[in-house]
């Protein structure tokens, strides 16, 4: 069996807490030059590629600039920094709940993506924490939706990241969420919701379909008043938007949800007035490196419960 080799380390430093883009030239292709391949592969256009090449912004594994006539070598790696889009600053801090030489546990605010993706790059928890803590090797062990607030586990050492990610894939992490949603006295709780959830690429909302369940959530009522309730949500699986889908299916969609039960008009990028009332409250696990038992609890409060009129105004 052919052994897969790891890519060489990046010759370019991070920029604003964001890693450079790494491109591996496919072994099966026979382009005359690296430039020809990049023009065909990247959707930015020949003029942009040529400008980047002329300015020395695309480099090889040794950090040497790639020119327009650099020959295509199958398996070769090149790196460059993409042009960062304008991003609206998310005006809420990230709180550090715990930090040691292996992990950082952060309390992420609403509206902040966990890792760079799409139009959210520097305004992400990972990029911010790399800058704030001056740990360029920091990586995310899992993700929270951009609209969800709460606890996220980050790893300090790249060689240990897989061990922590395995905790989540093997379901060895206890996660507890809190949500504020309408109160329905006819809804029999606690209960365990099981369904099959499908999230299709390019479609904002996930949906439930027939078939073997792939999403399991225990829903408990904590307290209620004035037509609203606090719920404890205990996911046994990790499907995209699982908690939001299940609460909507029960007839009590989470307050502030722009997708469930119906997709609303897009909210302006600088509108932070009415966050989704969903919080990753508890994170509990046994550290795979140190063996320590960890239990972290977010002190955040959901405003639709403590000050509904202010949140809804």
Protein backbone atom coordinates (compact mmCIF):
# COMPACT_ATOMS: atom_id res chain seq x y z
CA UNK A 1 0.00 0.00 0.00
CA UNK A 2 1.27 3.46 -0.90
CA UNK A 3 1.93 5.60 2.14
CA UNK A 4 0.48 9.08 2.06
CA UNK A 5 3.00 11.77 2.94
CA UNK A 6 2.13 14.89 4.86
CA UNK A 7 2.34 18.22 3.01
CA UNK A 8 5.38 20.37 3.79
CA UNK A 9 4.96 23.24 6.27
CA UNK A 10 3.75 26.53 4.90
CA UNK A 11 6.53 28.95 3.92
CA UNK A 12 4.13 31.85 4.48
CA UNK A 13 3.09 33.14 7.91
CA UNK A 14 -0.54 33.64 8.93
CA UNK A 15 -2.17 36.93 8.14
CA UNK A 16 -4.69 38.34 10.63
CA UNK A 17 -4.87 34.89 12.21
CA UNK A 18 -5.75 33.23 8.89
CA UNK A 19 -3.64 30.51 7.28
CA UNK A 20 -2.47 30.90 3.68
CA UNK A 21 -4.19 28.84 0.99
CA UNK A 22 -2.34 25.65 0.04
CA UNK A 23 -2.78 24.15 -3.45
CA UNK A 24 -1.39 20.78 -4.49
CA UNK A 25 -0.91 20.28 -8.23
CA UNK A 26 -2.74 17.04 -9.16
CA UNK A 27 -0.61 14.10 -10.25
CA UNK A 28 -2.83 13.23 -13.21
CA UNK A 29 -2.70 16.64 -14.91
CA UNK A 30 -0.19 17.80 -17.54
CA UNK A 31 -0.44 21.59 -17.66
CA UNK A 32 2.49 23.46 -19.28
CA UNK A 33 2.86 25.86 -16.33
CA UNK A 34 1.66 26.35 -12.77
CA UNK A 35 0.01 29.57 -13.99
CA UNK A 36 -2.13 27.72 -16.56
CA UNK A 37 -3.37 25.28 -13.93
CA UNK A 38 -4.22 28.01 -11.39
CA UNK A 39 -6.14 30.03 -14.01
CA UNK A 40 -8.23 26.97 -14.84
CA UNK A 41 -8.66 25.85 -11.22
CA UNK A 42 -9.37 29.09 -9.38
CA UNK A 43 -12.41 31.21 -10.15
CA UNK A 44 -10.68 34.59 -9.82
CA UNK A 45 -9.67 35.00 -13.46
CA UNK A 46 -6.39 35.11 -15.38
CA UNK A 47 -5.73 38.78 -14.65
CA UNK A 48 -5.82 38.25 -10.89
CA UNK A 49 -3.54 35.21 -11.11
CA UNK A 50 -1.09 37.08 -13.31
CA UNK A 51 -1.00 40.03 -10.90
CA UNK A 52 -0.34 37.72 -7.95
CA UNK A 53 2.45 35.97 -9.85
CA UNK A 54 4.03 39.25 -10.96
CA UNK A 55 3.96 40.55 -7.38
CA UNK A 56 5.56 37.36 -6.00
CA UNK A 57 2.52 36.50 -3.89
CA UNK A 58 2.38 32.83 -4.93
CA UNK A 59 5.30 30.77 -3.60
CA UNK A 60 6.57 27.19 -3.62
CA UNK A 61 7.53 25.00 -0.66
CA UNK A 62 10.85 26.82 -0.29
CA UNK A 63 9.14 30.22 -0.22
CA UNK A 64 10.41 31.10 -3.70
CA UNK A 65 8.03 33.15 -5.87
CA UNK A 66 6.34 31.22 -8.67
CA UNK A 67 6.57 33.00 -12.02
CA UNK A 68 4.29 32.92 -15.04
CA UNK A 69 6.54 30.38 -16.77
CA UNK A 70 7.26 28.07 -13.80
CA UNK A 71 6.81 24.55 -15.13
CA UNK A 72 3.94 22.40 -13.85
CA UNK A 73 5.25 19.58 -11.64
CA UNK A 74 2.66 17.01 -10.52
CA UNK A 75 2.47 16.82 -6.74
CA UNK A 76 4.02 20.26 -6.25
CA UNK A 77 2.58 22.54 -3.53
CA UNK A 78 2.10 26.29 -3.83
CA UNK A 79 0.83 28.78 -1.24
CA UNK A 80 -0.71 32.22 -1.32
CA UNK A 81 -2.89 34.53 0.75
CA UNK A 82 -6.31 35.17 -0.71
CA UNK A 83 -7.75 38.66 -0.80
CA UNK A 84 -9.84 38.95 2.33
CA UNK A 85 -13.42 40.20 1.90
CA UNK A 86 -14.75 43.15 3.86
CA UNK A 87 -16.34 41.81 7.02
CA UNK A 88 -18.65 43.52 9.46
CA UNK A 89 -17.03 43.54 12.90
CA UNK A 90 -18.95 41.43 15.42
CA UNK A 91 -18.99 43.79 18.43
CA UNK A 92 -18.93 41.16 21.17
CA UNK A 93 -15.88 39.71 22.96
CA UNK A 94 -14.82 36.07 23.22
CA UNK A 95 -14.40 35.01 26.84
CA UNK A 96 -11.69 32.53 27.79
CA UNK A 97 -13.16 29.94 30.17
CA UNK A 98 -10.08 27.72 30.49
CA UNK A 99 -6.56 27.49 29.11
CA UNK A 100 -3.63 25.13 29.54
CA UNK A 101 -0.75 23.92 27.37
CA UNK A 102 -3.07 21.62 25.40
CA UNK A 103 -6.47 23.30 25.02
CA UNK A 104 -8.35 26.57 25.15
CA UNK A 105 -12.06 26.61 25.99
CA UNK A 106 -13.72 29.79 24.76
CA UNK A 107 -17.23 31.18 25.21
CA UNK A 108 -18.21 32.34 21.73
CA UNK A 109 -20.75 35.14 21.26
CA UNK A 110 -23.68 35.01 18.87
CA UNK A 111 -23.02 36.04 15.24
CA UNK A 112 -19.37 34.95 15.27
CA UNK A 113 -18.44 31.95 13.10
CA UNK A 114 -16.17 29.34 14.67
CA UNK A 115 -13.68 28.91 11.80
CA UNK A 116 -12.96 30.74 8.51
CA UNK A 117 -15.47 29.80 5.86
CA UNK A 118 -17.08 31.63 2.96
CA UNK A 119 -17.46 35.33 3.68
CA UNK A 120 -16.48 34.94 7.36
CA UNK A 121 -12.68 34.80 7.63
CA UNK A 122 -11.01 37.22 10.03
CA UNK A 123 -14.25 37.77 11.96
CA UNK A 124 -14.23 34.22 13.31
CA UNK A 125 -13.50 32.82 16.74
CA UNK A 126 -10.42 30.96 15.53
CA UNK A 127 -8.79 33.94 13.79
CA UNK A 128 -9.59 36.27 16.68
CA UNK A 129 -8.19 33.90 19.29
CA UNK A 130 -5.00 33.30 17.31
CA UNK A 131 -4.42 37.05 17.35
CA UNK A 132 -5.64 37.63 20.91
CA UNK A 133 -3.69 34.77 22.52
CA UNK A 134 -0.76 34.86 20.07
CA UNK A 135 -1.08 31.13 19.38
CA UNK A 136 -0.75 30.66 15.60
CA UNK A 137 -1.10 26.87 15.93
CA UNK A 138 -4.53 27.11 17.55
CA UNK A 139 -7.17 24.93 15.88
CA UNK A 140 -10.83 24.10 16.46
CA UNK A 141 -11.74 20.63 17.73
CA UNK A 142 -15.38 21.12 16.67
CA UNK A 143 -17.74 23.89 15.54
CA UNK A 144 -20.76 25.84 16.66
CA UNK A 145 -23.15 27.50 14.21
CA UNK A 146 -22.40 31.18 13.68
CA UNK A 147 -25.74 32.14 15.24
CA UNK A 148 -25.27 29.92 18.31
CA UNK A 149 -23.35 31.19 21.34
CA UNK A 150 -21.44 29.17 23.90
CA UNK A 151 -18.54 26.88 24.61
CA UNK A 152 -16.05 25.81 21.93
CA UNK A 153 -12.95 23.66 22.43
CA UNK A 154 -9.73 24.68 20.66
CA UNK A 155 -6.45 22.78 20.61
CA UNK A 156 -2.98 24.31 21.02
CA UNK A 157 -0.76 21.65 19.44
CA UNK A 158 -1.52 20.45 15.88
CA UNK A 159 -0.21 16.96 16.61
CA UNK A 160 -2.82 16.57 19.39
CA UNK A 161 -5.78 17.95 17.48
CA UNK A 162 -6.88 14.57 16.14
CA UNK A 163 -7.19 13.12 19.65
CA UNK A 164 -9.61 15.86 20.69
CA UNK A 165 -11.58 15.74 17.44
CA UNK A 166 -12.01 12.01 17.96
CA UNK A 167 -13.75 12.73 21.27
CA UNK A 168 -16.53 14.44 19.33
CA UNK A 169 -16.76 11.96 16.46
CA UNK A 170 -16.84 9.08 18.98
CA UNK A 171 -19.51 10.90 21.04
CA UNK A 172 -17.36 10.95 24.16
CA UNK A 173 -18.20 14.60 24.90
CA UNK A 174 -21.27 15.53 26.92
CA UNK A 175 -22.85 18.64 25.43
CA UNK A 176 -25.74 20.49 26.99
CA UNK A 177 -27.56 23.38 25.33
CA UNK A 178 -30.09 25.88 26.56
CA UNK A 179 -32.80 27.49 24.44
CA UNK A 180 -35.62 29.98 24.87
CA UNK A 181 -38.74 29.21 22.85
CA UNK A 182 -42.53 29.46 23.14
CA UNK A 183 -44.22 27.50 25.91
CA UNK A 184 -46.79 24.90 24.90
CA UNK A 185 -48.59 23.37 27.90
CA UNK A 186 -49.79 20.52 25.68
CA UNK A 187 -46.25 19.48 24.81
CA UNK A 188 -45.33 16.41 26.83
CA UNK A 189 -41.80 16.82 28.18
CA UNK A 190 -39.21 15.49 28.76
CA UNK A 191 -38.98 13.47 25.58
CA UNK A 192 -36.40 12.17 23.15
CA UNK A 193 -36.82 13.28 19.55
CA UNK A 194 -35.52 11.00 16.79
CA UNK A 195 -35.62 11.78 13.09
CA UNK A 196 -33.62 11.72 9.89
CA UNK A 197 -32.26 15.15 8.97
CA UNK A 198 -30.99 16.09 5.52
CA UNK A 199 -28.90 19.22 4.91
CA UNK A 200 -28.29 19.81 1.21
CA UNK A 201 -25.40 21.91 -0.05
CA UNK A 202 -26.54 25.34 -1.24
CA UNK A 203 -29.85 25.21 0.67
CA UNK A 204 -29.98 27.22 3.89
CA UNK A 205 -32.40 25.10 5.91
CA UNK A 206 -32.13 21.43 6.75
CA UNK A 207 -35.23 19.24 6.66
CA UNK A 208 -36.57 16.03 8.13
CA UNK A 209 -37.10 13.14 5.74
CA UNK A 210 -38.29 9.55 6.00
CA UNK A 211 -35.74 6.93 6.90
CA UNK A 212 -33.52 5.62 9.67
CA UNK A 213 -33.01 8.35 12.31
CA UNK A 214 -29.60 10.05 12.25
CA UNK A 215 -30.46 12.80 14.75
CA UNK A 216 -31.39 12.24 18.41
CA UNK A 217 -32.12 14.99 20.96
CA UNK A 218 -33.50 14.86 24.49
CA UNK A 219 -35.65 17.92 25.24
CA UNK A 220 -36.40 18.96 28.83
CA UNK A 221 -38.46 21.86 30.20
CA UNK A 222 -36.58 23.91 32.80
CA UNK A 223 -39.14 26.65 33.57
CA UNK A 224 -41.75 28.81 31.90
CA UNK A 225 -43.44 32.17 32.26
CA UNK A 226 -45.39 34.65 30.12
CA UNK A 227 -45.75 32.24 27.22
CA UNK A 228 -42.02 31.51 27.00
CA UNK A 229 -39.92 28.65 28.34
CA UNK A 230 -36.31 27.68 28.99
CA UNK A 231 -35.41 24.29 27.61
CA UNK A 232 -32.43 22.01 28.19
CA UNK A 233 -31.37 20.26 24.99
CA UNK A 234 -29.13 17.21 25.11
CA UNK A 235 -28.02 16.13 21.63
CA UNK A 236 -26.90 12.52 21.21
CA UNK A 237 -25.82 13.19 17.61
CA UNK A 238 -24.43 16.20 15.75
CA UNK A 239 -26.39 16.83 12.56
CA UNK A 240 -26.34 20.35 11.09
CA UNK A 241 -29.05 22.53 12.72
CA UNK A 242 -30.29 19.47 14.62
CA UNK A 243 -31.54 21.30 17.72
CA UNK A 244 -33.21 24.02 15.68
CA UNK A 245 -34.94 21.48 13.44
CA UNK A 246 -36.17 19.37 16.35
CA UNK A 247 -37.51 22.31 18.34
CA UNK A 248 -39.33 23.59 15.28
CA UNK A 249 -40.78 20.13 14.61
CA UNK A 250 -42.15 20.10 18.19
CA UNK A 251 -44.00 23.34 17.44
CA UNK A 252 -41.78 25.50 19.66
CA UNK A 253 -39.15 27.02 17.34
CA UNK A 254 -36.25 28.72 19.10
CA UNK A 255 -36.74 32.48 19.38
CA UNK A 256 -34.74 34.50 16.87
CA UNK A 257 -34.35 31.64 14.40
CA UNK A 258 -34.26 33.04 10.83
CA UNK A 259 -34.63 29.60 9.19
CA UNK A 260 -37.13 27.54 11.18
CA UNK A 261 -40.01 27.03 10.78
CA UNK A 262 -39.74 29.29 7.69
CA UNK A 263 -36.79 30.96 6.00
CA UNK A 264 -36.99 34.72 6.66
CA UNK A 265 -35.57 37.56 4.62
CA UNK A 266 -31.80 37.96 5.10
CA UNK A 267 -30.79 40.10 8.08
CA UNK A 268 -28.31 42.92 7.42
CA UNK A 269 -24.71 42.02 8.26
CA UNK A 270 -24.54 44.79 10.87
CA UNK A 271 -27.84 43.88 12.57
CA UNK A 272 -26.98 42.21 15.89
CA UNK A 273 -30.18 43.13 17.72
CA UNK A 274 -32.01 39.83 17.98
CA UNK A 275 -29.67 36.83 18.38
CA UNK A 276 -30.84 33.25 18.15
CA UNK A 277 -31.73 32.16 21.67
CA UNK A 278 -29.57 29.05 21.67
CA UNK A 279 -26.55 28.56 23.93
CA UNK A 280 -23.98 25.76 24.22
CA UNK A 281 -24.09 25.80 28.02
CA UNK A 282 -22.04 22.75 29.14
CA UNK A 283 -19.03 20.90 27.74
CA UNK A 284 -17.82 17.83 29.64
CA UNK A 285 -15.12 15.31 28.67
CA UNK A 286 -12.07 13.38 29.76
CA UNK A 287 -8.92 14.96 28.34
CA UNK A 288 -7.34 12.35 26.02
CA UNK A 289 -3.84 13.73 26.63
CA UNK A 290 -3.77 14.48 30.37
CA UNK A 291 -6.59 12.23 31.61
CA UNK A 292 -8.18 15.14 33.49
CA UNK A 293 -11.95 15.24 33.93
CA UNK A 294 -13.26 18.55 32.60
CA UNK A 295 -16.66 20.17 33.01
CA UNK A 296 -17.12 23.71 31.74
CA UNK A 297 -20.26 25.84 32.11
CA UNK A 298 -20.98 29.05 30.23
CA UNK A 299 -22.15 31.93 32.44
CA UNK A 300 -23.97 33.63 29.54
CA UNK A 301 -27.65 34.46 29.84
CA UNK A 302 -30.18 34.37 27.02
CA UNK A 303 -31.71 37.81 26.76
CA UNK A 304 -35.13 36.67 25.59
CA UNK A 305 -35.51 35.08 29.02
CA UNK A 306 -33.99 37.73 31.26
CA UNK A 307 -35.10 40.84 29.33
CA UNK A 308 -37.53 39.83 26.61
CA UNK A 309 -38.84 43.32 25.81
CA UNK A 310 -35.31 44.57 25.22
CA UNK A 311 -34.44 41.58 23.03
CA UNK A 312 -37.68 41.83 21.00
CA UNK A 313 -37.70 45.61 20.56
